[in-house]
């Protein structure tokens, strides 16, 4: 409900659904980037008020994943409306294709580091793999499955 409430607050309570355009969706995307992530102290404010109150402050903003989650929900709602309304109503999903692409810096920060060959040798040269214990086969197979599936 928070995500839908934010959409209503950003676009305005009186905008007809049929008047929401792709430009409106882009505006929503841009406004989501300005909302502070920790809004407990601003809980009595609307999204635009929170943005205005924290405009000149150095506070954390909604993250890329959170903003994409918002936009995905909006797109799903409009897609559903397109499929289930008559032809004179909503004819397209204005949020289709509106996403935030992570920067190379963000992707690199979240990237996992692979084990080196020496680390893999250390893991798989233990007595467990030299002489497998058949009473607990999961202790032998789980690391092998993780290795070959990229886990």
Protein backbone atom coordinates (compact mmCIF):
# COMPACT_ATOMS: atom_id res chain seq x y z
CA UNK A 1 0.00 0.00 0.00
CA UNK A 2 2.92 2.33 0.66
CA UNK A 3 4.04 2.07 -2.95
CA UNK A 4 0.57 2.86 -4.27
CA UNK A 5 0.15 5.71 -1.78
CA UNK A 6 3.44 7.20 -2.98
CA UNK A 7 2.25 7.03 -6.59
CA UNK A 8 -0.93 8.87 -5.65
CA UNK A 9 1.02 11.49 -3.67
CA UNK A 10 3.51 12.11 -6.48
CA UNK A 11 0.95 12.33 -9.28
CA UNK A 12 -1.72 14.06 -7.24
CA UNK A 13 -4.97 12.67 -5.83
CA UNK A 14 -7.23 14.01 -8.58
CA UNK A 15 -5.41 12.90 -11.75
CA UNK A 16 -7.55 10.59 -13.89
CA UNK A 17 -5.86 7.27 -14.59
CA UNK A 18 -6.33 7.82 -18.32
CA UNK A 19 -4.25 11.03 -18.10
CA UNK A 20 -1.14 9.23 -16.82
CA UNK A 21 1.44 9.23 -19.62
CA UNK A 22 4.95 7.90 -20.13
CA UNK A 23 6.20 11.37 -19.15
CA UNK A 24 4.23 11.03 -15.89
CA UNK A 25 5.94 7.70 -15.29
CA UNK A 26 9.36 9.30 -15.89
CA UNK A 27 8.41 12.03 -13.40
CA UNK A 28 7.48 9.38 -10.82
CA UNK A 29 10.82 7.62 -11.41
CA UNK A 30 12.71 10.89 -10.86
CA UNK A 31 10.73 11.74 -7.73
CA UNK A 32 11.30 8.28 -6.20
CA UNK A 33 15.05 8.95 -6.40
CA UNK A 34 14.59 11.98 -4.12
CA UNK A 35 12.57 10.30 -1.34
CA UNK A 36 14.62 9.67 1.83
CA UNK A 37 15.00 5.98 2.69
CA UNK A 38 14.41 6.38 6.42
CA UNK A 39 11.15 8.26 6.65
CA UNK A 40 10.08 7.56 10.25
CA UNK A 41 10.66 11.13 11.33
CA UNK A 42 8.70 12.33 8.29
CA UNK A 43 5.83 9.84 8.64
CA UNK A 44 3.25 12.62 8.87
CA UNK A 45 4.31 14.02 5.47
CA UNK A 46 3.47 13.10 1.90
CA UNK A 47 6.21 12.03 -0.51
CA UNK A 48 6.57 15.52 -2.06
CA UNK A 49 6.72 17.06 1.42
CA UNK A 50 9.45 14.59 2.46
CA UNK A 51 11.42 15.48 -0.66
CA UNK A 52 11.07 19.21 0.04
CA UNK A 53 11.99 18.79 3.73
CA UNK A 54 15.18 16.86 2.94
CA UNK A 55 16.12 18.67 -0.26
CA UNK A 56 19.22 20.33 1.20
CA UNK A 57 20.13 17.55 3.61
CA UNK A 58 22.63 14.78 3.08
CA UNK A 59 20.34 11.81 3.76
CA UNK A 60 20.17 8.37 2.21
CA UNK A 61 17.58 8.07 -0.56
CA UNK A 62 15.56 5.06 -1.72
CA UNK A 63 17.87 2.47 -3.22
CA UNK A 64 17.84 1.27 -6.81
CA UNK A 65 16.13 -2.02 -5.95
CA UNK A 66 13.40 -0.31 -3.93
CA UNK A 67 12.70 2.18 -6.69
CA UNK A 68 12.61 -0.60 -9.30
CA UNK A 69 10.20 -2.54 -7.04
CA UNK A 70 7.91 0.51 -6.98
CA UNK A 71 8.06 0.90 -10.77
CA UNK A 72 7.47 -2.82 -11.32
CA UNK A 73 4.33 -2.73 -9.19
CA UNK A 74 3.02 0.32 -11.05
CA UNK A 75 3.66 -1.41 -14.37
CA UNK A 76 1.84 -4.55 -13.21
CA UNK A 77 -1.17 -2.55 -12.06
CA UNK A 78 -1.42 -0.74 -15.39
CA UNK A 79 -0.84 -3.93 -17.39
CA UNK A 80 -3.67 -5.58 -15.48
CA UNK A 81 -5.89 -2.56 -16.11
CA UNK A 82 -5.13 -2.64 -19.85
CA UNK A 83 -6.15 -6.30 -20.05
CA UNK A 84 -9.28 -5.98 -17.91
CA UNK A 85 -10.91 -2.70 -18.91
CA UNK A 86 -12.97 -1.77 -21.92
CA UNK A 87 -11.41 -0.24 -25.01
CA UNK A 88 -12.28 3.36 -24.11
CA UNK A 89 -10.43 3.26 -20.81
CA UNK A 90 -6.74 2.53 -20.24
CA UNK A 91 -5.08 1.59 -23.50
CA UNK A 92 -1.40 1.27 -22.54
CA UNK A 93 0.96 0.83 -19.61
CA UNK A 94 2.80 4.15 -19.12
CA UNK A 95 5.31 2.47 -16.79
CA UNK A 96 6.38 -0.15 -19.33
CA UNK A 97 10.15 0.03 -19.70
CA UNK A 98 10.59 2.68 -16.97
CA UNK A 99 13.38 1.34 -14.78
CA UNK A 100 16.55 2.42 -13.02
CA UNK A 101 19.68 0.83 -14.42
CA UNK A 102 22.37 0.17 -11.85
CA UNK A 103 25.63 1.98 -12.46
CA UNK A 104 28.81 0.02 -13.07
CA UNK A 105 29.99 1.10 -9.63
CA UNK A 106 26.88 -0.39 -7.97
CA UNK A 107 27.17 -3.64 -9.93
CA UNK A 108 30.86 -3.97 -9.06
CA UNK A 109 30.16 -3.31 -5.39
CA UNK A 110 27.59 -6.13 -5.25
CA UNK A 111 29.57 -8.59 -7.39
CA UNK A 112 30.71 -11.77 -5.73
CA UNK A 113 34.34 -12.76 -5.82
CA UNK A 114 35.19 -16.23 -7.07
CA UNK A 115 37.44 -18.57 -5.13
CA UNK A 116 41.03 -18.71 -6.34
CA UNK A 117 42.56 -22.01 -7.51
CA UNK A 118 44.55 -22.23 -4.27
CA UNK A 119 41.39 -21.75 -2.20
CA UNK A 120 39.59 -24.46 -4.19
CA UNK A 121 42.55 -26.82 -3.73
CA UNK A 122 42.45 -26.18 0.02
CA UNK A 123 38.71 -26.85 0.19
CA UNK A 124 38.77 -30.04 -1.90
CA UNK A 125 42.02 -31.53 -0.57
CA UNK A 126 40.60 -32.16 2.89
CA UNK A 127 40.24 -35.74 4.17
CA UNK A 128 36.51 -35.43 3.54
CA UNK A 129 37.12 -35.46 -0.23
CA UNK A 130 40.13 -37.77 -0.18
CA UNK A 131 38.20 -40.47 1.70
CA UNK A 132 34.45 -39.73 1.53
CA UNK A 133 32.37 -40.63 4.58
CA UNK A 134 29.47 -42.69 3.23
CA UNK A 135 27.44 -42.29 6.44
CA UNK A 136 26.89 -38.57 5.68
CA UNK A 137 27.03 -38.18 1.88
CA UNK A 138 25.75 -34.60 1.97
CA UNK A 139 29.06 -33.50 3.51
CA UNK A 140 30.81 -34.76 0.38
CA UNK A 141 28.30 -33.75 -2.28
CA UNK A 142 27.16 -30.30 -1.09
CA UNK A 143 30.51 -28.54 -1.73
CA UNK A 144 30.79 -30.29 -5.12
CA UNK A 145 27.29 -29.23 -6.11
CA UNK A 146 28.06 -25.67 -5.02
CA UNK A 147 31.27 -25.70 -7.06
CA UNK A 148 29.67 -26.94 -10.27
CA UNK A 149 26.53 -24.79 -10.04
CA UNK A 150 28.42 -21.59 -9.30
CA UNK A 151 26.93 -21.15 -5.84
